[in-house]
Amino acid sequence: MQNVDVEKAISWNPWHGCKKVSQGCKNCFVYKMDERYGRDTTKIEKGKTTYELKDKNCPPNSLVKLCFASDFFIKEADEWRNSCWDFIRRRKDCIFVITTKRPERIKECVPSDWEDGWDNVYISVSIENQEMADIRVKELLEAPVKHREVFCSPLIGPITLGKYLDTGLIKCIDVGGEMTFVKDVRPLKYEWVESLYKEAYDRNIEFYFHQSGSMLIKGGKNIGKWNLKEQIKLAEEIQHELERKYRLNDK
């Protein structure tokens, strides 16, 4: 979902904690943050102050992003999820974005009146390499979802999504690099970003390069940034560069 409002989105974390399931989780920022405060990230706990999203904190037309400190479909949260669905069902005037590494659980975790999905819910599957793309994107396409997106972040290897994009069921590709300490960061290559951009461009699918990560390799040099605002700015510049290049090629 590429628009300027994404940066102004409301963050809703009804529960905290997660369990690593693939290489993309290796340098998870939630684990790094919890380690600093001596918290066990593998212990999934209901949020004490963030579980309920109140109407006064969620104006009409808000964009709400769920579970950045966990996974909305994690099994340990099964007993709490229905309360979140109740709020989402009632607030049809807002858009809710869910990003998950557990798309195989979507079908069993949606409410009884879900059918093929709700208009105000976007579900994005998080992938980091081709192996996870071939597992998770396939699961997302088979799940009852109305608005599907693919979140390639942290992108740690080249990915091709062409055969999945050809279904016409995916509305957006979102790409980002890894943000972590210099000794741990895995590189994002410019060529990987451009390849995904071209796949989206050729099919008229939305593409969003949301941040460059700490190590972006272009022309054999690391042009990545350590400050998040600078990473976002660099990603915007590269996206504009790609847009100009491919529009020019079309002339």
Protein backbone atom coordinates (compact mmCIF):
# COMPACT_ATOMS: atom_id res chain seq x y z
CA MET A 1 0.00 0.00 0.00
CA GLN A 2 2.09 2.85 -1.28
CA ASN A 3 0.99 6.27 -0.14
CA VAL A 4 2.33 9.04 2.06
CA ASP A 5 -0.06 8.10 4.84
CA VAL A 6 1.86 4.89 5.53
CA GLU A 7 4.46 6.91 7.47
CA LYS A 8 1.64 8.43 9.55
CA ALA A 9 0.04 5.07 10.31
CA ILE A 10 -1.23 4.18 13.77
CA SER A 11 0.72 1.29 15.30
CA TRP A 12 -1.39 -1.24 17.19
CA ASN A 13 0.38 -3.97 19.16
CA PRO A 14 -2.30 -5.95 21.01
CA TRP A 15 0.32 -8.47 22.15
CA HIS A 16 4.08 -8.61 22.41
CA GLY A 17 6.56 -11.38 21.68
CA CYS A 18 7.31 -13.73 18.82
CA LYS A 19 9.28 -16.83 17.83
CA LYS A 20 11.82 -16.89 15.04
CA VAL A 21 10.73 -19.01 12.06
CA SER A 22 13.22 -18.27 9.24
CA GLN A 23 16.42 -16.46 8.22
CA GLY A 24 14.61 -13.14 7.98
CA CYS A 25 14.12 -13.27 11.76
CA LYS A 26 17.84 -13.56 12.54
CA ASN A 27 18.39 -9.91 13.45
CA CYS A 28 14.82 -9.07 14.49
CA PHE A 29 14.63 -5.56 15.97
CA VAL A 30 12.11 -6.70 18.60
CA TYR A 31 14.60 -9.25 19.95
CA LYS A 32 17.34 -6.60 19.96
CA MET A 33 15.09 -4.15 21.80
CA ASP A 34 13.92 -6.70 24.36
CA GLU A 35 17.49 -7.87 24.98
CA ARG A 36 18.34 -4.32 26.02
CA TYR A 37 15.61 -4.42 28.69
CA GLY A 38 16.10 -8.03 29.78
CA ARG A 39 12.79 -9.17 28.32
CA ASP A 40 12.15 -12.67 26.92
CA THR A 41 10.82 -12.12 23.40
CA THR A 42 9.74 -15.75 23.03
CA LYS A 43 7.13 -15.18 25.75
CA ILE A 44 3.98 -13.95 24.03
CA GLU A 45 2.06 -11.61 26.33
CA LYS A 46 -1.10 -9.56 25.99
CA GLY A 47 -0.24 -5.87 25.80
CA LYS A 48 -0.89 -4.13 29.10
CA THR A 49 -1.36 -0.68 27.60
CA THR A 50 -1.65 -1.45 23.86
CA TYR A 51 -4.14 -4.35 23.68
CA GLU A 52 -7.21 -2.21 23.12
CA LEU A 53 -7.27 0.42 20.39
CA LYS A 54 -9.73 3.09 21.51
CA ASP A 55 -11.93 5.05 19.11
CA LYS A 56 -10.53 8.35 20.39
CA ASN A 57 -7.04 7.24 19.31
CA CYS A 58 -8.24 6.05 15.91
CA PRO A 59 -9.91 8.87 13.93
CA PRO A 60 -11.98 8.07 10.83
CA ASN A 61 -9.90 7.22 7.74
CA SER A 62 -6.94 6.11 9.84
CA LEU A 63 -4.40 3.60 8.55
CA VAL A 64 -3.65 1.07 11.29
CA LYS A 65 -0.69 -1.32 11.18
CA LEU A 66 -0.92 -4.33 13.48
CA CYS A 67 1.57 -6.39 15.48
CA PHE A 68 4.99 -4.94 14.73
CA ALA A 69 6.11 -6.47 18.04
CA SER A 70 4.68 -9.91 17.23
CA ASP A 71 2.70 -11.72 14.52
CA PHE A 72 -1.06 -11.31 14.30
CA PHE A 73 -1.51 -14.99 13.45
CA ILE A 74 0.85 -16.46 16.02
CA LYS A 75 -0.80 -19.45 17.75
CA GLU A 76 -0.15 -18.19 21.29
CA ALA A 77 -2.49 -15.25 20.63
CA ASP A 78 -5.48 -17.31 19.49
CA GLU A 79 -7.52 -16.54 22.61
CA TRP A 80 -7.12 -12.77 22.17
CA ARG A 81 -7.55 -12.33 18.41
CA ASN A 82 -11.36 -12.22 18.25
CA SER A 83 -11.46 -9.02 20.26
CA CYS A 84 -9.24 -7.40 17.63
CA TRP A 85 -11.49 -8.67 14.84
CA ASP A 86 -14.49 -7.15 16.66
CA PHE A 87 -12.86 -3.71 16.58
CA ILE A 88 -11.78 -4.07 12.94
CA ARG A 89 -15.27 -5.23 11.96
CA ARG A 90 -16.86 -2.22 13.63
CA ARG A 91 -14.37 0.34 12.26
CA LYS A 92 -15.11 -0.02 8.56
CA ASP A 93 -14.07 3.63 8.19
CA CYS A 94 -10.39 2.70 8.68
CA ILE A 95 -7.84 0.54 6.87
CA PHE A 96 -6.03 -2.20 8.80
CA VAL A 97 -2.75 -3.68 7.55
CA ILE A 98 -1.52 -7.04 8.81
CA THR A 99 1.94 -8.36 7.92
CA THR A 100 2.64 -12.01 8.76
CA LYS A 101 5.20 -14.78 8.42
CA ARG A 102 2.46 -17.32 9.17
CA PRO A 103 0.07 -17.19 6.19
CA GLU A 104 -0.71 -20.89 6.60
CA ARG A 105 -2.75 -19.93 9.69
CA ILE A 106 -4.91 -17.25 8.06
CA LYS A 107 -7.78 -19.52 7.11
CA GLU A 108 -8.19 -20.96 10.61
CA CYS A 109 -7.81 -17.58 12.35
CA VAL A 110 -10.31 -15.38 10.50
CA PRO A 111 -13.84 -14.79 11.92
CA SER A 112 -16.91 -16.71 10.76
CA ASP A 113 -18.26 -13.77 8.74
CA TRP A 114 -14.97 -13.20 6.91
CA GLU A 115 -15.92 -15.01 3.65
CA ASP A 116 -13.25 -13.93 1.09
CA GLY A 117 -12.02 -11.05 3.26
CA TRP A 118 -13.10 -7.60 4.39
CA ASP A 119 -12.72 -4.44 2.33
CA ASN A 120 -10.86 -2.65 5.12
CA VAL A 121 -8.21 -5.34 5.77
CA TYR A 122 -4.96 -5.73 3.80
CA ILE A 123 -2.81 -8.78 4.52
CA SER A 124 0.85 -8.78 3.57
CA VAL A 125 3.15 -11.80 3.70
CA SER A 126 6.73 -11.16 4.86
CA ILE A 127 9.49 -12.83 2.82
CA GLU A 128 13.26 -12.49 2.71
CA ASN A 129 14.50 -14.86 -0.02
CA GLN A 130 13.25 -17.14 -2.78
CA GLU A 131 12.71 -20.09 -0.47
CA MET A 132 10.29 -18.17 1.71
CA ALA A 133 8.66 -16.56 -1.33
CA ASP A 134 7.80 -19.96 -2.75
CA ILE A 135 6.31 -21.08 0.57
CA ARG A 136 4.59 -18.00 1.94
CA VAL A 137 3.35 -16.28 -1.21
CA LYS A 138 1.76 -19.57 -2.31
CA GLU A 139 0.02 -19.79 1.08
CA LEU A 140 -1.18 -16.18 0.79
CA LEU A 141 -2.65 -16.80 -2.66
CA GLU A 142 -4.56 -19.83 -1.34
CA ALA A 143 -5.88 -17.99 1.74
CA PRO A 144 -9.22 -16.13 1.79
CA VAL A 145 -7.85 -12.59 1.47
CA LYS A 146 -9.36 -9.68 -0.45
CA HIS A 147 -6.30 -7.40 -0.51
CA ARG A 148 -2.93 -9.20 -0.82
CA GLU A 149 0.52 -7.60 -0.67
CA VAL A 150 4.08 -8.92 -0.47
CA PHE A 151 6.55 -7.44 2.01
CA CYS A 152 10.14 -8.26 0.95
CA SER A 153 11.98 -7.09 4.05
CA PRO A 154 14.63 -7.62 5.13
CA LEU A 155 15.49 -8.65 1.57
CA ILE A 156 18.63 -10.81 1.92
CA GLY A 157 18.69 -12.52 -1.47
CA PRO A 158 17.38 -12.18 -5.03
CA ILE A 159 13.69 -12.96 -5.49
CA THR A 160 11.49 -13.43 -8.52
CA LEU A 161 7.73 -13.14 -8.03
CA GLY A 162 6.61 -13.14 -11.65
CA LYS A 163 4.47 -16.28 -11.60
CA TYR A 164 2.71 -15.09 -8.45
CA LEU A 165 2.13 -11.59 -9.78
CA ASP A 166 0.66 -13.08 -12.96
CA THR A 167 -2.32 -14.33 -10.92
CA GLY A 168 -3.49 -10.73 -10.63
CA LEU A 169 -4.16 -11.28 -6.91
CA ILE A 170 -1.23 -9.30 -5.49
CA LYS A 171 -1.71 -5.54 -5.30
CA CYS A 172 1.64 -4.28 -4.07
CA ILE A 173 5.29 -5.24 -3.56
CA ASP A 174 7.02 -3.53 -0.62
CA VAL A 175 10.83 -3.81 -0.36
CA GLY A 176 13.26 -2.93 2.41
CA GLY A 177 16.76 -3.68 3.64
CA GLU A 178 17.98 -4.88 7.01
CA MET A 179 18.48 -2.46 9.90
CA THR A 180 20.87 -3.75 12.54
CA PHE A 181 24.41 -3.41 13.87
CA VAL A 182 27.26 -3.21 11.38
CA LYS A 183 28.68 -6.55 12.51
CA ASP A 184 25.37 -8.32 11.87
CA VAL A 185 23.79 -6.59 8.88
CA ARG A 186 23.24 -8.55 5.68
CA PRO A 187 23.54 -6.61 2.41
CA LEU A 188 20.73 -5.59 0.10
CA LYS A 189 21.83 -5.34 -3.53
CA TYR A 190 20.49 -2.64 -5.82
CA GLU A 191 20.01 -5.25 -8.57
CA TRP A 192 17.54 -7.18 -6.37
CA VAL A 193 15.46 -4.05 -5.85
CA GLU A 194 15.51 -3.18 -9.54
CA SER A 195 14.52 -6.71 -10.56
CA LEU A 196 11.46 -6.63 -8.31
CA TYR A 197 10.61 -3.13 -9.47
CA LYS A 198 10.67 -4.30 -13.10
CA GLU A 199 8.45 -7.30 -12.32
CA ALA A 200 5.91 -4.97 -10.74
CA TYR A 201 6.24 -2.30 -13.43
CA ASP A 202 5.72 -4.78 -16.27
CA ARG A 203 2.43 -5.87 -14.68
CA ASN A 204 1.25 -2.43 -13.55
CA ILE A 205 1.49 -3.47 -9.89
CA GLU A 206 2.24 -0.98 -7.14
CA PHE A 207 5.84 -0.98 -5.85
CA TYR A 208 7.17 0.67 -2.72
CA PHE A 209 10.85 0.80 -1.66
CA HIS A 210 10.26 1.88 1.94
CA GLN A 211 13.81 1.96 3.33
CA SER A 212 17.30 1.12 2.11
CA GLY A 213 18.59 -0.67 5.19
CA SER A 214 22.04 -0.27 6.72
CA MET A 215 23.92 -1.86 3.82
CA LEU A 216 22.74 -1.19 0.28
CA ILE A 217 25.27 -2.24 -2.36
CA LYS A 218 25.18 -0.27 -5.60
CA GLY A 219 28.02 -0.16 -8.11
CA GLY A 220 30.18 -2.20 -5.74
CA LYS A 221 29.85 0.35 -2.93
CA ASN A 222 27.80 0.44 0.24
CA ILE A 223 25.56 3.50 0.03
CA GLY A 224 23.33 2.42 2.92
CA LYS A 225 22.58 4.71 5.85
CA TRP A 226 22.45 4.10 9.60
CA ASN A 227 19.78 6.67 10.40
CA LEU A 228 16.23 5.51 9.64
CA LYS A 229 15.14 8.86 8.19
CA GLU A 230 18.14 8.79 5.86
CA GLN A 231 17.31 5.20 4.86
CA ILE A 232 13.78 6.25 3.95
CA LYS A 233 15.07 9.26 2.00
CA LEU A 234 17.60 7.13 0.09
CA ALA A 235 14.95 4.55 -0.76
CA GLU A 236 12.68 7.30 -2.11
CA GLU A 237 15.51 8.63 -4.27
CA ILE A 238 16.22 5.18 -5.70
CA GLN A 239 12.55 4.52 -6.38
CA HIS A 240 12.30 7.81 -8.28
CA GLU A 241 15.46 6.86 -10.18
CA LEU A 242 13.90 3.54 -11.21
CA GLU A 243 10.65 5.21 -12.19
CA ARG A 244 12.48 7.66 -14.46
CA LYS A 245 14.59 4.92 -16.00
CA TYR A 246 11.70 2.64 -16.94
CA ARG A 247 9.44 5.43 -18.12
CA LEU A 248 12.25 6.62 -20.36
CA ASN A 249 12.72 3.08 -21.69
CA ASP A 250 9.05 2.99 -22.66
CA LYS A 251 9.36 6.09 -24.85
